[in-house]
Amino acid sequence: MVFVKTFKGYEDKTMELDKAVNSWILENKVTVVSIQTAMSHEPESRARSGDLIYTVCYRAEKPID
């Protein structure tokens, strides 16, 4: 079956988010179907940056945390 896993990070820290996603894929030995990204930018926020979300669609026998 195909399942979805969502990862959330900050747009100015993409390397950390990439590392988390890649580690999860390797640890769980999943077959990735697709990865979609979305970014929400909030210029008025304290950090002056927004959220970056990766949605990973993967094949597995059951959902993986």
N, C-alpha and C. Protein backbone atom coordinates (compact mmCIF):
# COMPACT_ATOMS: atom_id res chain seq x y z
N MET A 1 0.83 -1.17 0.00
CA MET A 1 0.00 0.00 0.00
C MET A 1 0.88 1.24 0.00
N VAL A 2 0.28 2.35 -0.33
CA VAL A 2 0.99 3.63 -0.31
C VAL A 2 0.51 4.43 0.90
N PHE A 3 1.46 4.95 1.67
CA PHE A 3 1.17 5.74 2.86
C PHE A 3 1.85 7.10 2.75
N VAL A 4 1.49 7.99 3.66
CA VAL A 4 2.03 9.34 3.66
C VAL A 4 2.72 9.62 4.99
N LYS A 5 3.87 10.26 4.92
CA LYS A 5 4.60 10.71 6.11
C LYS A 5 4.94 12.19 5.89
N THR A 6 4.66 13.03 6.89
CA THR A 6 4.90 14.46 6.77
C THR A 6 6.03 14.89 7.70
N PHE A 7 6.92 15.70 7.18
CA PHE A 7 8.03 16.26 7.95
C PHE A 7 7.91 17.78 7.89
N LYS A 8 8.14 18.43 9.02
CA LYS A 8 8.02 19.88 9.09
C LYS A 8 9.31 20.48 9.62
N GLY A 9 9.77 21.54 8.96
CA GLY A 9 10.97 22.24 9.39
C GLY A 9 10.86 23.71 9.05
N TYR A 10 11.99 24.39 9.07
CA TYR A 10 12.01 25.82 8.77
C TYR A 10 12.68 26.06 7.42
N GLU A 11 12.17 27.04 6.69
CA GLU A 11 12.68 27.29 5.35
C GLU A 11 14.15 27.69 5.33
N ASP A 12 14.66 28.21 6.43
CA ASP A 12 16.07 28.59 6.47
C ASP A 12 16.97 27.48 7.01
N LYS A 13 16.39 26.30 7.25
CA LYS A 13 17.16 25.15 7.76
C LYS A 13 16.86 23.90 6.94
N THR A 14 16.98 24.04 5.63
CA THR A 14 16.62 22.92 4.75
C THR A 14 17.54 21.71 4.93
N MET A 15 18.81 21.95 5.23
CA MET A 15 19.73 20.81 5.39
C MET A 15 19.31 19.91 6.54
N GLU A 16 18.80 20.48 7.63
CA GLU A 16 18.34 19.69 8.77
C GLU A 16 17.12 18.84 8.39
N LEU A 17 16.21 19.45 7.65
CA LEU A 17 15.02 18.72 7.22
C LEU A 17 15.38 17.63 6.23
N ASP A 18 16.26 17.94 5.29
CA ASP A 18 16.72 16.92 4.33
C ASP A 18 17.35 15.74 5.06
N LYS A 19 18.16 16.03 6.06
CA LYS A 19 18.83 14.97 6.82
C LYS A 19 17.80 14.09 7.54
N ALA A 20 16.78 14.71 8.13
CA ALA A 20 15.73 13.95 8.84
C ALA A 20 14.97 13.05 7.88
N VAL A 21 14.61 13.57 6.72
CA VAL A 21 13.86 12.78 5.73
C VAL A 21 14.72 11.64 5.21
N ASN A 22 15.95 11.94 4.83
CA ASN A 22 16.84 10.89 4.30
C ASN A 22 17.11 9.81 5.34
N SER A 23 17.32 10.20 6.58
CA SER A 23 17.56 9.22 7.64
C SER A 23 16.35 8.31 7.84
N TRP A 24 15.15 8.91 7.84
CA TRP A 24 13.93 8.14 8.01
C TRP A 24 13.78 7.11 6.88
N ILE A 25 14.04 7.55 5.65
CA ILE A 25 13.94 6.65 4.49
C ILE A 25 14.92 5.48 4.63
N LEU A 26 16.17 5.79 4.97
CA LEU A 26 17.18 4.74 5.10
C LEU A 26 16.89 3.80 6.26
N GLU A 27 16.50 4.34 7.40
CA GLU A 27 16.22 3.52 8.58
C GLU A 27 15.06 2.55 8.35
N ASN A 28 14.06 3.01 7.63
CA ASN A 28 12.85 2.21 7.42
C ASN A 28 12.83 1.43 6.12
N LYS A 29 13.84 1.64 5.29
CA LYS A 29 13.98 0.92 4.02
C LYS A 29 12.70 0.94 3.19
N VAL A 30 12.10 2.12 3.09
CA VAL A 30 10.86 2.25 2.32
C VAL A 30 11.17 2.58 0.86
N THR A 31 10.22 2.27 0.00
CA THR A 31 10.29 2.68 -1.40
C THR A 31 9.50 3.97 -1.52
N VAL A 32 10.18 5.04 -1.89
CA VAL A 32 9.54 6.34 -2.01
C VAL A 32 8.82 6.43 -3.35
N VAL A 33 7.56 6.80 -3.30
CA VAL A 33 6.76 6.99 -4.50
C VAL A 33 6.91 8.42 -4.99
N SER A 34 6.83 9.38 -4.05
CA SER A 34 6.99 10.79 -4.40
C SER A 34 7.27 11.61 -3.15
N ILE A 35 7.83 12.78 -3.38
CA ILE A 35 8.04 13.75 -2.31
C ILE A 35 7.55 15.10 -2.82
N GLN A 36 6.64 15.69 -2.07
CA GLN A 36 6.11 17.01 -2.40
C GLN A 36 6.56 17.99 -1.32
N THR A 37 6.77 19.23 -1.72
CA THR A 37 7.15 20.25 -0.74
C THR A 37 6.16 21.39 -0.77
N ALA A 38 6.03 22.04 0.36
CA ALA A 38 5.19 23.23 0.48
C ALA A 38 5.88 24.17 1.46
N MET A 39 5.77 25.46 1.17
CA MET A 39 6.40 26.44 2.04
C MET A 39 5.39 27.54 2.37
N SER A 40 5.36 27.90 3.64
CA SER A 40 4.52 29.02 4.04
C SER A 40 5.45 30.07 4.64
N HIS A 41 5.41 31.24 4.08
CA HIS A 41 6.32 32.30 4.53
C HIS A 41 5.54 33.34 5.33
N GLU A 42 6.07 33.67 6.49
CA GLU A 42 5.44 34.67 7.35
C GLU A 42 6.44 35.78 7.65
N PRO A 43 6.51 36.79 6.79
CA PRO A 43 7.50 37.85 6.98
C PRO A 43 7.32 38.64 8.28
N GLU A 44 6.15 38.62 8.86
CA GLU A 44 5.91 39.36 10.11
C GLU A 44 6.19 38.53 11.36
N SER A 45 6.60 37.27 11.19
CA SER A 45 6.87 36.43 12.35
C SER A 45 8.19 36.85 13.02
N ARG A 46 8.36 36.41 14.24
CA ARG A 46 9.59 36.75 14.98
C ARG A 46 10.84 36.23 14.28
N ALA A 47 10.76 35.05 13.69
CA ALA A 47 11.91 34.45 13.04
C ALA A 47 12.13 34.99 11.63
N ARG A 48 11.13 35.70 11.10
CA ARG A 48 11.18 36.24 9.74
C ARG A 48 11.35 35.14 8.68
N SER A 49 10.86 33.96 9.01
CA SER A 49 10.90 32.85 8.07
C SER A 49 9.62 32.04 8.22
N GLY A 50 9.46 31.07 7.36
CA GLY A 50 8.25 30.26 7.41
C GLY A 50 8.55 28.79 7.56
N ASP A 51 7.50 28.00 7.47
CA ASP A 51 7.62 26.56 7.60
C ASP A 51 7.85 25.92 6.24
N LEU A 52 8.59 24.84 6.26
CA LEU A 52 8.81 24.03 5.08
C LEU A 52 8.27 22.64 5.41
N ILE A 53 7.41 22.12 4.57
CA ILE A 53 6.80 20.81 4.81
C ILE A 53 7.13 19.88 3.65
N TYR A 54 7.62 18.69 4.00
CA TYR A 54 7.86 17.64 3.02
C TYR A 54 6.80 16.57 3.25
N THR A 55 6.12 16.18 2.21
CA THR A 55 5.16 15.09 2.27
C THR A 55 5.74 13.94 1.46
N VAL A 56 6.04 12.85 2.13
CA VAL A 56 6.66 11.68 1.49
C VAL A 56 5.60 10.61 1.33
N CYS A 57 5.36 10.19 0.10
CA CYS A 57 4.49 9.05 -0.17
C CYS A 57 5.39 7.83 -0.36
N TYR A 58 5.10 6.76 0.37
CA TYR A 58 5.98 5.59 0.33
C TYR A 58 5.17 4.30 0.33
N ARG A 59 5.80 3.26 -0.15
CA ARG A 59 5.18 1.93 -0.16
C ARG A 59 5.66 1.13 1.04
N ALA A 60 4.71 0.50 1.70
CA ALA A 60 5.03 -0.35 2.85
C ALA A 60 3.82 -1.23 3.15
N GLU A 61 4.03 -2.21 4.02
CA GLU A 61 2.93 -3.08 4.41
C GLU A 61 1.99 -2.42 5.40
N LYS A 62 2.53 -1.46 6.19
CA LYS A 62 1.72 -0.73 7.15
C LYS A 62 2.35 0.65 7.36
N PRO A 63 1.61 1.60 7.93
CA PRO A 63 2.18 2.92 8.17
C PRO A 63 3.36 2.84 9.14
N ILE A 64 4.35 3.69 8.92
CA ILE A 64 5.54 3.74 9.75
C ILE A 64 5.59 5.09 10.45
N ASP A 65 5.83 5.08 11.77
CA ASP A 65 5.93 6.34 12.52
C ASP A 65 7.23 7.05 12.25
